Amino acid sequence: VIFCRSGYEKASKNFDEEDLKVDCTGYHFMITGANSGIGKCVTTSIAERGGTIHMVCRNETAGNETKLAIMKTTEMRIFMFMFLIFHKAWKWLNFVKNLEEPMIP
């Protein structure tokens, strides 16, 4: 498999547009890097399909801006988890503890 433009173009000849018509309502998705690049694209796409997004971002300001923009265009609720210091073990422990709590208020 070639992971570049030519590889994508070759593989895209076998894509079926119907595969993208998925209802994500009732499903939760945790997306890292959700405020830029591929993560933002995936976040927007799933939100458009009704999924509940849990954004994981390093930059709170950029994350909130992206969250508001996506919520405005898709009218979907997005829940956000912020991690500003990924290399600290206690941050990950707090994150896991928060996952044990109900995610919907």
C-alpha atoms as a PDB file:
ATOM      1  CA  VAL A   1       0.000   0.000   0.000  1.00  0.00           C
ATOM      2  CA  ILE A   2       1.354   3.390  -0.969  1.00  0.00           C
ATOM      3  CA  PHE A   3       0.415   6.222   1.420  1.00  0.00           C
ATOM      4  CA  CYS A   4       0.704   9.214  -0.881  1.00  0.00           C
ATOM      5  CA  ARG A   5      -1.377  11.050  -3.447  1.00  0.00           C
ATOM      6  CA  SER A   6      -0.842   8.493  -6.205  1.00  0.00           C
ATOM      7  CA  GLY A   7      -1.672   5.652  -3.813  1.00  0.00           C
ATOM      8  CA  TYR A   8      -4.880   7.380  -2.778  1.00  0.00           C
ATOM      9  CA  GLU A   9      -5.867   8.088  -6.379  1.00  0.00           C
ATOM     10  CA  LYS A  10      -5.294   4.449  -7.321  1.00  0.00           C
ATOM     11  CA  ALA A  11      -7.282   3.142  -4.337  1.00  0.00           C
ATOM     12  CA  SER A  12     -10.076   5.690  -4.782  1.00  0.00           C
ATOM     13  CA  LYS A  13     -11.124   3.999  -8.019  1.00  0.00           C
ATOM     14  CA  ASN A  14     -12.589   1.237  -5.838  1.00  0.00           C
ATOM     15  CA  PHE A  15     -14.334   3.529  -3.322  1.00  0.00           C
ATOM     16  CA  ASP A  16     -18.091   3.231  -2.985  1.00  0.00           C
ATOM     17  CA  GLU A  17     -19.818   6.504  -2.011  1.00  0.00           C
ATOM     18  CA  GLU A  18     -22.591   4.497  -0.315  1.00  0.00           C
ATOM     19  CA  ASP A  19     -20.066   3.369   2.316  1.00  0.00           C
ATOM     20  CA  LEU A  20     -19.976   6.949   3.631  1.00  0.00           C
ATOM     21  CA  LYS A  21     -23.722   7.166   4.183  1.00  0.00           C
ATOM     22  CA  VAL A  22     -23.645   6.052   7.814  1.00  0.00           C
ATOM     23  CA  ASP A  23     -25.849   7.187  10.703  1.00  0.00           C
ATOM     24  CA  CYS A  24     -23.591   7.734  13.719  1.00  0.00           C
ATOM     25  CA  THR A  25     -26.420   8.804  16.052  1.00  0.00           C
ATOM     26  CA  GLY A  26     -26.025   7.215  19.473  1.00  0.00           C
ATOM     27  CA  TYR A  27     -22.331   6.455  18.987  1.00  0.00           C
ATOM     28  CA  HIS A  28     -19.450   8.178  20.785  1.00  0.00           C
ATOM     29  CA  PHE A  29     -16.120   8.901  19.108  1.00  0.00           C
ATOM     30  CA  MET A  30     -12.904  10.037  20.779  1.00  0.00           C
ATOM     31  CA  ILE A  31     -10.708  11.891  18.314  1.00  0.00           C
ATOM     32  CA  THR A  32      -7.164  13.015  19.070  1.00  0.00           C
ATOM     33  CA  GLY A  33      -5.856  16.065  17.259  1.00  0.00           C
ATOM     34  CA  ALA A  34      -9.477  16.998  16.644  1.00  0.00           C
ATOM     35  CA  ASN A  35      -8.870  20.698  16.058  1.00  0.00           C
ATOM     36  CA  SER A  36      -6.663  20.510  12.956  1.00  0.00           C
ATOM     37  CA  GLY A  37      -5.808  18.491   9.882  1.00  0.00           C
ATOM     38  CA  ILE A  38      -7.183  14.987   9.522  1.00  0.00           C
ATOM     39  CA  GLY A  39      -8.568  15.018  13.074  1.00  0.00           C
ATOM     40  CA  LYS A  40     -10.662  18.095  12.326  1.00  0.00           C
ATOM     41  CA  CYS A  41     -11.913  16.571   9.081  1.00  0.00           C
ATOM     42  CA  VAL A  42     -12.901  13.341  10.853  1.00  0.00           C
ATOM     43  CA  THR A  43     -14.544  15.296  13.688  1.00  0.00           C
ATOM     44  CA  THR A  44     -16.629  17.327  11.248  1.00  0.00           C
ATOM     45  CA  SER A  45     -17.588  14.299   9.179  1.00  0.00           C
ATOM     46  CA  ILE A  46     -18.754  12.249  12.162  1.00  0.00           C
ATOM     47  CA  ALA A  47     -20.616  15.227  13.658  1.00  0.00           C
ATOM     48  CA  GLU A  48     -22.441  15.694  10.339  1.00  0.00           C
ATOM     49  CA  ARG A  49     -23.554  12.073  10.646  1.00  0.00           C
ATOM     50  CA  GLY A  50     -24.947  12.599  14.152  1.00  0.00           C
ATOM     51  CA  GLY A  51     -22.135  11.147  16.255  1.00  0.00           C
ATOM     52  CA  THR A  52     -21.140  12.514  19.651  1.00  0.00           C
ATOM     53  CA  ILE A  53     -17.543  13.681  19.565  1.00  0.00           C
ATOM     54  CA  HIS A  54     -15.070  13.697  22.435  1.00  0.00           C
ATOM     55  CA  MET A  55     -12.314  16.020  21.251  1.00  0.00           C
ATOM     56  CA  VAL A  56      -8.781  15.544  22.574  1.00  0.00           C
ATOM     57  CA  CYS A  57      -6.670  18.628  21.850  1.00  0.00           C
ATOM     58  CA  ARG A  58      -3.398  20.093  23.101  1.00  0.00           C
ATOM     59  CA  ASN A  59      -4.444  23.714  22.659  1.00  0.00           C
ATOM     60  CA  GLU A  60      -7.551  24.777  24.551  1.00  0.00           C
ATOM     61  CA  THR A  61      -8.139  27.956  22.542  1.00  0.00           C
ATOM     62  CA  ALA A  62      -7.847  26.248  19.156  1.00  0.00           C
ATOM     63  CA  GLY A  63      -9.930  23.335  20.427  1.00  0.00           C
ATOM     64  CA  ASN A  64     -12.748  25.600  21.586  1.00  0.00           C
ATOM     65  CA  GLU A  65     -12.719  27.555  18.310  1.00  0.00           C
ATOM     66  CA  THR A  66     -12.983  24.325  16.326  1.00  0.00           C
ATOM     67  CA  LYS A  67     -15.683  22.990  18.634  1.00  0.00           C
ATOM     68  CA  LEU A  68     -17.828  26.110  18.189  1.00  0.00           C
ATOM     69  CA  ALA A  69     -17.339  26.177  14.411  1.00  0.00           C
ATOM     70  CA  ILE A  70     -18.331  22.524  14.029  1.00  0.00           C
ATOM     71  CA  MET A  71     -21.295  22.870  16.376  1.00  0.00           C
ATOM     72  CA  LYS A  72     -22.492  25.892  14.393  1.00  0.00           C
ATOM     73  CA  THR A  73     -22.299  24.148  11.015  1.00  0.00           C
ATOM     74  CA  THR A  74     -23.561  20.723  12.120  1.00  0.00           C
ATOM     75  CA  GLU A  75     -25.859  21.643  15.029  1.00  0.00           C
ATOM     76  CA  MET A  76     -24.347  18.760  17.008  1.00  0.00           C
ATOM     77  CA  ARG A  77     -23.198  18.645  20.631  1.00  0.00           C
ATOM     78  CA  ILE A  78     -19.498  18.032  21.090  1.00  0.00           C
ATOM     79  CA  PHE A  79     -17.909  17.110  24.388  1.00  0.00           C
ATOM     80  CA  MET A  80     -14.299  18.107  24.850  1.00  0.00           C
ATOM     81  CA  PHE A  81     -11.446  16.669  26.864  1.00  0.00           C
ATOM     82  CA  MET A  82      -8.351  18.844  27.030  1.00  0.00           C
ATOM     83  CA  PHE A  83      -4.826  17.622  27.703  1.00  0.00           C
ATOM     84  CA  LEU A  84      -2.173  20.246  27.727  1.00  0.00           C
ATOM     85  CA  ILE A  85       0.647  18.076  29.085  1.00  0.00           C
ATOM     86  CA  PHE A  86       0.587  14.618  27.530  1.00  0.00           C
ATOM     87  CA  HIS A  87       3.837  13.369  29.034  1.00  0.00           C
ATOM     88  CA  LYS A  88       2.642  13.554  32.652  1.00  0.00           C
ATOM     89  CA  ALA A  89       1.311  10.188  33.838  1.00  0.00           C
ATOM     90  CA  TRP A  90      -1.130  11.726  36.336  1.00  0.00           C
ATOM     91  CA  LYS A  91      -2.870  13.590  33.485  1.00  0.00           C
ATOM     92  CA  TRP A  92      -3.636  10.253  31.838  1.00  0.00           C
ATOM     93  CA  LEU A  93      -4.847   8.798  35.133  1.00  0.00           C
ATOM     94  CA  ASN A  94      -7.252  11.713  35.594  1.00  0.00           C
ATOM     95  CA  PHE A  95      -8.427  11.260  32.025  1.00  0.00           C
ATOM     96  CA  VAL A  96      -9.216   7.577  32.578  1.00  0.00           C
ATOM     97  CA  LYS A  97     -11.027   8.367  35.826  1.00  0.00           C
ATOM     98  CA  ASN A  98     -13.155  10.932  33.979  1.00  0.00           C
ATOM     99  CA  LEU A  99     -14.056   8.306  31.389  1.00  0.00           C
ATOM    100  CA  GLU A 100     -15.614   6.236  34.153  1.00  0.00           C
ATOM    101  CA  GLU A 101     -18.096   9.067  34.753  1.00  0.00           C
ATOM    102  CA  PRO A 102     -21.201   9.387  32.572  1.00  0.00           C
ATOM    103  CA  MET A 103     -20.317  11.364  29.451  1.00  0.00           C
ATOM    104  CA  ILE A 104     -23.727  12.900  28.895  1.00  0.00           C
ATOM    105  CA  PRO A 105     -24.958  15.501  31.396  1.00  0.00           C
END
